[in-house]
């Protein structure tokens, strides 16, 4: 059965096309800085938003028309596998991502859930073998079910900690089975509502214990996987322990986990933390911890995690510049953790939304490559920090100065003259690169 019979394989047709089911900017074979767009961008589709999300919100019932839904949860899950791989192939993406509960119903017991996962992942593996489409990453949903009301690894209930361990154990086994290169932790309930009844050190210690257990089990089953943490500051928890990139790196350093974990950064989560996507990527890069990206955008007027498809070229340009400076993002990728708007409820809207996001990132990649080629940022940084290239600045960098020697220098050079940043000019010139 074809779930998208009216949509052919999406092709690159350039900016003059009037075909809405065509790429205007994303040419997977176009070579930029020695690699094709396809290799640079490594696009992935999020199973949850594309195949399970129903269009409901806190104020309204589902609106999405989805022909794979039946009254039987397992049959619906099987239909989603068929629909998903048809969608991936027609869209031309090589990767997908999922939570465990996205692909299989939980049933009435943990045993039933694990059996359902086995059955569905058998089908997924068949499709992967047939199509060559790969698993970018998978993760365990340890936030939706009421059992996680107090958290998962951070829960005050040790039984919940154990249940969470069973989910992650199975998740790692599935990752190995499907050839996954990354495994993600998103602590959707790993935080607190009030410190009045929270043992914060114990909860963070327990999360670290949990992560070390995951690392040990991956070694035990001989699964060479990159672990990723996805920071988010709030929502659903009042304060989540993986608040942002810097907070998460401090946690990883404290608990000796930096050799095993990198970051999966989401644009809308950066917004909620009061940062830009570019900021979070730059922080991760500074720790050599840029792992993967979740592509979306938020609405700054609404102030919550709206998970819109990315269409802001300015943001994607600055994000892709950091990716290029990082030397790429493999084995991670760019996963569209984005959902169609509630009013975009037709099946074909899934294609239109992904095309928009892919074209926007393609434009960002091209602009970033041009910025890099022209040395736009490096020239400005060289100018601004020129005082550290010679004289006293170079001596500071070389470790040849101390407080006493610097104090003596300052006494002789106390008439300081700064240079203007000309920041407005810089921003104006940057706009010329947005293609």
Protein backbone atom coordinates (compact mmCIF):
# COMPACT_ATOMS: atom_id res chain seq x y z
CA UNK A 1 0.00 0.00 0.00
CA UNK A 2 1.27 3.46 -0.89
CA UNK A 3 0.59 6.05 1.81
CA UNK A 4 1.69 9.00 -0.32
CA UNK A 5 0.46 8.01 -3.82
CA UNK A 6 0.25 11.60 -5.06
CA UNK A 7 3.87 12.47 -4.27
CA UNK A 8 6.81 11.37 -6.41
CA UNK A 9 10.43 11.39 -5.32
CA UNK A 10 11.40 14.95 -4.43
CA UNK A 11 14.05 16.34 -6.77
CA UNK A 12 16.16 19.49 -6.99
CA UNK A 13 14.66 21.83 -9.61
CA UNK A 14 16.22 25.21 -8.71
CA UNK A 15 14.73 28.54 -7.77
CA UNK A 16 12.67 28.99 -10.93
CA UNK A 17 10.48 25.96 -10.33
CA UNK A 18 6.82 26.40 -9.47
CA UNK A 19 6.58 22.82 -8.22
CA UNK A 20 5.93 22.86 -4.45
CA UNK A 21 7.16 19.25 -4.22
CA UNK A 22 10.69 20.09 -5.36
CA UNK A 23 13.85 21.43 -3.76
CA UNK A 24 14.73 24.96 -4.76
CA UNK A 25 18.10 25.11 -2.97
CA UNK A 26 18.95 21.65 -1.65
CA UNK A 27 20.88 19.85 -4.37
CA UNK A 28 22.20 16.70 -2.65
CA UNK A 29 24.97 16.27 -5.22
CA UNK A 30 26.26 19.86 -5.23
CA UNK A 31 29.84 19.92 -3.93
CA UNK A 32 30.71 22.54 -1.33
CA UNK A 33 34.12 22.64 0.32
CA UNK A 34 34.98 19.20 -1.00
CA UNK A 35 31.81 17.42 0.12
CA UNK A 36 28.32 17.11 -1.28
CA UNK A 37 25.41 18.85 0.39
CA UNK A 38 24.10 15.43 1.32
CA UNK A 39 27.33 14.63 3.15
CA UNK A 40 27.47 17.99 4.93
CA UNK A 41 23.88 18.04 6.12
CA UNK A 42 23.13 14.38 6.92
CA UNK A 43 19.40 15.05 7.22
CA UNK A 44 17.21 12.86 9.41
CA UNK A 45 13.44 12.59 9.98
CA UNK A 46 12.02 12.47 13.52
CA UNK A 47 9.65 9.52 13.86
CA UNK A 48 7.66 11.17 16.68
CA UNK A 49 6.74 14.42 14.96
CA UNK A 50 6.35 12.95 11.48
CA UNK A 51 4.62 9.63 12.13
CA UNK A 52 3.04 9.77 15.60
CA UNK A 53 2.19 13.43 16.26
CA UNK A 54 -1.54 14.00 15.78
CA UNK A 55 -1.95 17.78 15.67
CA UNK A 56 -3.40 18.14 19.15
CA UNK A 57 -2.29 20.85 21.53
CA UNK A 58 -3.24 21.84 25.11
CA UNK A 59 -6.28 23.67 23.74
CA UNK A 60 -7.47 21.45 20.91
CA UNK A 61 -8.11 17.90 19.72
CA UNK A 62 -6.12 16.16 16.95
CA UNK A 63 -6.40 17.56 13.43
CA UNK A 64 -3.89 15.53 11.42
CA UNK A 65 -5.18 13.23 8.69
CA UNK A 66 -3.06 10.07 8.84
CA UNK A 67 -4.16 7.00 6.88
CA UNK A 68 -1.91 4.60 8.79
CA UNK A 69 -3.91 4.84 12.02
CA UNK A 70 -6.11 1.85 12.95
CA UNK A 71 -7.88 0.63 16.08
CA UNK A 72 -5.07 -1.88 16.69
CA UNK A 73 -1.94 -0.18 18.17
CA UNK A 74 0.44 -2.85 16.85
CA UNK A 75 -1.03 -2.68 13.36
CA UNK A 76 -0.73 1.10 13.47
CA UNK A 77 2.93 0.73 14.45
CA UNK A 78 3.53 -1.64 11.54
CA UNK A 79 1.78 0.75 9.17
CA UNK A 80 4.01 3.56 10.40
CA UNK A 81 7.07 1.55 9.41
CA UNK A 82 5.72 1.18 5.87
CA UNK A 83 4.65 4.82 5.67
CA UNK A 84 7.87 6.06 7.24
CA UNK A 85 10.21 4.37 4.81
CA UNK A 86 8.07 5.42 1.86
CA UNK A 87 8.36 8.98 3.16
CA UNK A 88 12.13 8.77 3.76
CA UNK A 89 12.76 7.39 0.27
CA UNK A 90 10.59 9.94 -1.51
CA UNK A 91 12.07 12.82 0.49
CA UNK A 92 15.59 11.56 -0.17
CA UNK A 93 16.90 11.50 3.40
CA UNK A 94 19.32 8.84 4.59
CA UNK A 95 18.59 8.87 8.32
CA UNK A 96 15.80 8.70 10.89
CA UNK A 97 15.51 8.97 14.69
CA UNK A 98 13.01 7.63 17.23
CA UNK A 99 12.02 7.19 20.88
CA UNK A 100 11.12 3.64 21.87
CA UNK A 101 7.45 4.48 22.48
CA UNK A 102 7.21 6.10 19.03
CA UNK A 103 7.70 2.84 17.22
CA UNK A 104 5.83 0.35 19.45
CA UNK A 105 2.98 0.42 21.99
CA UNK A 106 3.92 -0.07 25.65
CA UNK A 107 1.15 -2.61 26.23
CA UNK A 108 0.23 -3.71 29.74
CA UNK A 109 3.67 -4.68 31.04
CA UNK A 110 7.36 -4.11 30.51
CA UNK A 111 7.66 -7.63 29.10
CA UNK A 112 4.98 -6.90 26.50
CA UNK A 113 6.62 -3.59 25.61
CA UNK A 114 10.00 -5.23 25.03
CA UNK A 115 8.39 -7.92 22.88
CA UNK A 116 6.59 -5.27 20.82
CA UNK A 117 9.88 -3.46 20.31
CA UNK A 118 11.50 -6.66 19.06
CA UNK A 119 8.72 -7.25 16.55
CA UNK A 120 8.68 -3.71 15.18
CA UNK A 121 12.46 -3.34 15.01
CA UNK A 122 12.57 -6.58 13.00
CA UNK A 123 10.36 -4.83 10.44
CA UNK A 124 12.44 -1.67 10.58
CA UNK A 125 15.64 -3.65 10.00
CA UNK A 126 14.08 -5.30 6.94
CA UNK A 127 13.24 -1.88 5.53
CA UNK A 128 16.71 -0.55 6.34
CA UNK A 129 18.32 -3.47 4.54
CA UNK A 130 16.06 -2.93 1.52
CA UNK A 131 16.53 0.83 1.24
CA UNK A 132 19.95 1.62 2.71
CA UNK A 133 18.36 4.18 5.03
CA UNK A 134 20.15 4.34 8.39
CA UNK A 135 19.43 5.02 12.04
CA UNK A 136 21.00 8.31 13.13
CA UNK A 137 20.03 7.82 16.76
CA UNK A 138 17.42 6.37 19.07
CA UNK A 139 16.46 7.10 22.65
CA UNK A 140 14.15 6.00 25.45
CA UNK A 141 11.05 8.02 26.30
CA UNK A 142 11.34 8.35 30.07
CA UNK A 143 9.05 11.32 30.55
CA UNK A 144 5.54 10.71 29.13
CA UNK A 145 4.25 7.80 31.24
CA UNK A 146 2.93 8.75 34.72
CA UNK A 147 5.57 6.48 36.28
CA UNK A 148 8.07 9.25 35.48
CA UNK A 149 6.19 11.90 37.44
CA UNK A 150 9.26 12.35 39.69
CA UNK A 151 11.83 11.79 36.96
CA UNK A 152 13.64 8.74 35.61
CA UNK A 153 17.26 8.35 36.69
CA UNK A 154 16.68 11.28 39.05
CA UNK A 155 13.45 9.83 40.48
CA UNK A 156 12.98 9.58 44.23
CA UNK A 157 11.59 6.09 43.58
CA UNK A 158 14.31 3.46 43.03
CA UNK A 159 11.84 1.21 41.20
CA UNK A 160 11.53 3.88 38.52
CA UNK A 161 15.34 4.05 38.26
CA UNK A 162 15.35 0.29 37.63
CA UNK A 163 12.54 0.49 35.05
CA UNK A 164 14.43 3.26 33.25
CA UNK A 165 17.53 1.10 33.21
CA UNK A 166 15.55 -1.67 31.52
CA UNK A 167 14.39 0.75 28.82
CA UNK A 168 17.88 2.03 28.13
CA UNK A 169 19.32 -1.50 28.13
CA UNK A 170 16.80 -2.43 25.44
CA UNK A 171 17.47 0.82 23.61
CA UNK A 172 21.17 0.05 23.36
CA UNK A 173 20.42 -3.47 22.15
CA UNK A 174 18.13 -2.01 19.48
CA UNK A 175 20.80 0.54 18.55
CA UNK A 176 23.29 -2.26 17.95
CA UNK A 177 20.70 -4.32 16.07
CA UNK A 178 19.93 -1.43 13.72
CA UNK A 179 23.51 -0.19 13.37
CA UNK A 180 22.94 3.09 15.21
CA UNK A 181 25.98 5.36 15.54
CA UNK A 182 24.53 7.59 18.30
CA UNK A 183 22.34 7.13 21.36
CA UNK A 184 20.60 10.15 22.89
CA UNK A 185 19.55 11.00 26.43
CA UNK A 186 16.98 13.75 26.82
CA UNK A 187 16.11 14.30 30.48
CA UNK A 188 12.53 15.41 30.00
CA UNK A 189 11.75 14.91 33.70
CA UNK A 190 15.30 15.04 35.05
CA UNK A 191 14.84 18.19 37.08
CA UNK A 192 12.90 19.57 39.98
CA UNK A 193 9.77 21.54 40.78
CA UNK A 194 10.94 22.74 44.19
CA UNK A 195 14.15 22.52 46.18
CA UNK A 196 12.03 22.29 49.35
CA UNK A 197 11.76 18.53 48.86
CA UNK A 198 14.63 17.79 46.46
CA UNK A 199 17.99 16.21 47.28
CA UNK A 200 19.75 17.79 44.33
CA UNK A 201 23.20 16.22 44.90
CA UNK A 202 21.68 12.72 45.19
CA UNK A 203 19.61 13.17 42.04
CA UNK A 204 22.58 14.36 40.02
CA UNK A 205 24.77 11.57 41.42
CA UNK A 206 22.12 9.06 40.37
CA UNK A 207 21.92 10.45 36.83
CA UNK A 208 25.71 10.08 36.60
CA UNK A 209 25.50 6.51 37.90
CA UNK A 210 22.87 5.81 35.26
CA UNK A 211 25.04 7.21 32.46
CA UNK A 212 28.05 5.18 33.58
CA UNK A 213 25.87 2.06 33.57
CA UNK A 214 24.89 2.82 29.97
CA UNK A 215 28.53 3.27 28.96
CA UNK A 216 29.45 0.00 30.67
CA UNK A 217 26.62 -1.90 28.98
CA UNK A 218 27.54 -0.60 25.53
CA UNK A 219 31.05 -1.93 26.14
CA UNK A 220 29.63 -5.23 27.41
CA UNK A 221 27.63 -5.83 24.23
CA UNK A 222 30.51 -4.48 22.09
CA UNK A 223 28.46 -1.63 20.66
CA UNK A 224 30.65 1.31 19.62
CA UNK A 225 28.15 4.14 19.93
CA UNK A 226 28.48 7.88 20.51
CA UNK A 227 26.40 8.91 23.54
CA UNK A 228 24.66 12.29 23.29
CA UNK A 229 22.87 14.49 25.81
CA UNK A 230 20.25 16.94 24.59
CA UNK A 231 20.17 20.04 26.83
CA UNK A 232 16.92 21.83 27.67
CA UNK A 233 16.35 24.40 30.42
CA UNK A 234 12.72 23.86 31.40
CA UNK A 235 9.39 22.53 30.17
CA UNK A 236 8.24 20.12 31.42
CA UNK A 237 10.35 20.50 34.58
CA UNK A 238 10.61 23.89 36.25
CA UNK A 239 14.38 23.49 36.18
CA UNK A 240 16.10 20.68 34.31
CA UNK A 241 19.59 19.54 35.20
CA UNK A 242 20.80 19.66 31.57
CA UNK A 243 19.88 23.36 31.33
CA UNK A 244 22.14 24.30 28.41
CA UNK A 245 25.39 23.28 26.74
CA UNK A 246 27.64 24.84 29.38
CA UNK A 247 25.69 23.37 32.31
CA UNK A 248 25.71 19.94 30.68
CA UNK A 249 29.45 20.06 30.03
CA UNK A 250 30.07 20.98 33.67
CA UNK A 251 28.05 17.91 34.67
CA UNK A 252 29.99 15.65 32.29
CA UNK A 253 33.32 16.98 33.55
CA UNK A 254 32.34 16.56 37.20
CA UNK A 255 31.36 12.93 36.71
CA UNK A 256 34.18 11.88 34.34
CA UNK A 257 31.89 11.33 31.36
CA UNK A 258 33.50 13.60 28.76
CA UNK A 259 35.23 10.69 27.02
CA UNK A 260 31.87 9.11 26.20
CA UNK A 261 29.35 11.92 25.75
CA UNK A 262 28.84 14.78 23.33
CA UNK A 263 25.86 17.09 22.88
CA UNK A 264 22.78 16.89 20.69
CA UNK A 265 21.71 20.53 20.44
CA UNK A 266 18.26 21.76 19.52
CA UNK A 267 17.57 25.27 18.24
CA UNK A 268 14.32 25.76 20.17
CA UNK A 269 15.93 24.52 23.39
CA UNK A 270 18.65 27.13 22.93
CA UNK A 271 15.94 29.79 22.67
CA UNK A 272 14.29 28.62 25.88
CA UNK A 273 17.66 28.87 27.65
CA UNK A 274 18.02 32.47 26.50
CA UNK A 275 20.67 31.61 23.93
CA UNK A 276 20.97 31.43 20.17
CA UNK A 277 21.50 28.14 18.36
CA UNK A 278 24.87 29.49 17.24
CA UNK A 279 25.84 30.10 20.89
CA UNK A 280 25.08 26.56 21.98
CA UNK A 281 26.96 25.06 19.03
CA UNK A 282 29.95 27.31 19.72
CA UNK A 283 30.02 26.31 23.40
CA UNK A 284 29.90 22.62 22.44
CA UNK A 285 32.69 23.15 19.90
CA UNK A 286 34.84 24.82 22.55
CA UNK A 287 34.67 21.56 24.53
CA UNK A 288 35.14 19.36 21.44
CA UNK A 289 31.66 18.07 22.20
CA UNK A 290 29.52 18.92 19.18
CA UNK A 291 27.71 15.68 18.46
CA UNK A 292 24.49 16.26 16.50
CA UNK A 293 21.79 18.85 15.84
CA UNK A 294 18.02 18.93 16.16
CA UNK A 295 16.74 21.35 13.54
CA UNK A 296 13.73 23.50 14.35
CA UNK A 297 12.89 26.99 15.53
CA UNK A 298 10.71 28.53 18.20
CA UNK A 299 8.42 31.52 18.21
CA UNK A 300 9.95 34.17 20.44
CA UNK A 301 6.52 35.73 20.95
CA UNK A 302 5.10 32.52 22.39
CA UNK A 303 8.00 31.46 24.61
CA UNK A 304 7.62 27.68 24.64
CA UNK A 305 8.91 24.72 22.67
CA UNK A 306 6.87 25.16 19.48
CA UNK A 307 9.16 22.95 17.35
CA UNK A 308 8.52 24.78 14.08
CA UNK A 309 10.31 23.80 10.90
CA UNK A 310 13.37 26.03 10.41
CA UNK A 311 12.91 28.79 7.83
CA UNK A 312 15.21 31.49 9.25
CA UNK A 313 18.24 31.71 6.93
CA UNK A 314 20.20 33.95 9.31
CA UNK A 315 20.07 31.29 12.03
CA UNK A 316 20.89 28.37 9.75
CA UNK A 317 23.81 30.27 8.23
CA UNK A 318 25.43 30.91 11.60
CA UNK A 319 24.73 27.34 12.71
CA UNK A 320 26.25 25.85 9.56
CA UNK A 321 29.28 28.13 9.85
CA UNK A 322 30.02 26.53 13.21
CA UNK A 323 29.48 23.06 11.74
CA UNK A 324 31.96 23.84 8.95
CA UNK A 325 34.44 25.20 11.50
CA UNK A 326 33.98 21.93 13.39
CA UNK A 327 35.03 19.98 10.31
CA UNK A 328 31.54 18.49 9.95
CA UNK A 329 29.07 16.80 12.23
CA UNK A 330 29.42 13.08 11.47
CA UNK A 331 28.57 10.64 12.97
CA UNK A 332 25.80 13.01 14.02
CA UNK A 333 23.46 14.77 11.64
CA UNK A 334 20.68 17.31 11.30
CA UNK A 335 17.45 15.80 12.57
CA UNK A 336 14.19 17.66 11.92
CA UNK A 337 12.78 17.65 15.43
CA UNK A 338 9.94 19.72 14.04
CA UNK A 339 6.23 19.30 13.54
CA UNK A 340 3.81 20.71 11.02
CA UNK A 341 1.51 23.40 12.35
CA UNK A 342 -1.88 22.25 13.59
CA UNK A 343 -3.48 23.93 10.61
CA UNK A 344 -1.22 21.99 8.18
CA UNK A 345 -3.02 18.72 8.65
CA UNK A 346 -2.89 17.01 5.25
CA UNK A 347 -0.50 14.12 4.58
CA UNK A 348 1.36 16.05 1.88
CA UNK A 349 2.13 18.86 4.35
CA UNK A 350 4.78 16.56 5.83
CA UNK A 351 6.71 16.81 2.56
CA UNK A 352 6.20 20.56 2.18
CA UNK A 353 7.46 21.21 5.70
CA UNK A 354 10.58 19.08 5.33
CA UNK A 355 11.34 20.60 1.94
CA UNK A 356 11.19 24.06 3.53
CA UNK A 357 13.58 23.01 6.30
CA UNK A 358 16.00 21.28 3.95
CA UNK A 359 16.07 24.22 1.56
CA UNK A 360 16.68 26.62 4.45
CA UNK A 361 19.63 24.61 5.74
CA UNK A 362 20.99 24.30 2.19
CA UNK A 363 20.92 28.09 1.87
CA UNK A 364 22.60 28.37 5.27
CA UNK A 365 25.31 25.93 4.19
CA UNK A 366 26.04 27.86 0.99
CA UNK A 367 26.18 31.18 2.80
CA UNK A 368 28.39 29.73 5.54
CA UNK A 369 30.79 28.28 2.99
CA UNK A 370 31.10 31.69 1.31
CA UNK A 371 31.73 33.36 4.68
CA UNK A 372 34.43 30.81 5.39
CA UNK A 373 35.97 31.18 1.92
CA UNK A 374 36.14 34.96 2.26
CA UNK A 375 37.49 34.79 5.81
CA UNK A 376 34.65 37.07 6.90
CA UNK A 377 34.78 36.20 10.59
CA UNK A 378 38.46 35.29 10.82
CA UNK A 379 39.51 38.69 9.45
CA UNK A 380 37.30 40.45 11.99
CA UNK A 381 38.58 38.32 14.88
CA UNK A 382 42.20 38.91 13.81
CA UNK A 383 41.54 42.66 13.79
CA UNK A 384 39.74 42.73 17.11
CA UNK A 385 42.28 40.62 19.00
CA UNK A 386 45.40 41.99 17.30
CA UNK A 387 46.80 43.16 20.65
CA UNK A 388 47.40 39.52 21.61
CA UNK A 389 49.55 38.85 18.54
CA UNK A 390 52.52 41.00 19.60
CA UNK A 391 54.01 42.76 22.61
CA UNK A 392 52.44 42.36 26.03
CA UNK A 393 49.44 40.49 24.64
CA UNK A 394 51.61 37.77 23.10
CA UNK A 395 53.59 37.55 26.32
CA UNK A 396 50.32 36.93 28.22
CA UNK A 397 49.31 34.19 25.78
CA UNK A 398 52.77 32.62 26.00
CA UNK A 399 52.53 32.47 29.80
CA UNK A 400 55.47 34.81 30.35
CA UNK A 401 53.65 37.33 32.54
CA UNK A 402 52.31 37.40 36.10
CA UNK A 403 50.31 39.87 38.17
CA UNK A 404 53.40 41.77 39.29
CA UNK A 405 54.89 42.12 35.80
CA UNK A 406 51.52 43.16 34.39
CA UNK A 407 51.06 45.71 37.16
CA UNK A 408 54.44 47.22 36.27
CA UNK A 409 53.44 47.32 32.60
CA UNK A 410 50.09 48.95 33.43
CA UNK A 411 51.80 51.71 35.44
CA UNK A 412 53.72 52.69 32.30
CA UNK A 413 50.78 52.24 29.89
CA UNK A 414 47.78 53.55 31.82
CA UNK A 415 46.47 55.81 29.05
CA UNK A 416 44.35 53.15 27.34
CA UNK A 417 42.71 53.68 23.98
CA UNK A 418 40.11 51.16 22.75
CA UNK A 419 38.93 50.68 19.18
CA UNK A 420 35.29 50.61 18.14
CA UNK A 421 33.85 47.23 17.15
CA UNK A 422 31.80 48.78 14.32
CA UNK A 423 29.29 46.02 15.12
CA UNK A 424 26.48 47.56 13.10
CA UNK A 425 28.66 47.53 9.99
CA UNK A 426 29.59 43.91 10.63
CA UNK A 427 25.94 42.87 10.88
CA UNK A 428 25.08 44.79 7.73
CA UNK A 429 27.89 43.14 5.77
CA UNK A 430 26.82 39.73 7.07
CA UNK A 431 23.41 40.25 5.49
CA UNK A 432 25.08 40.39 2.07
CA UNK A 433 25.97 36.70 2.40
CA UNK A 434 22.44 35.45 3.04
CA UNK A 435 21.50 33.73 -0.21
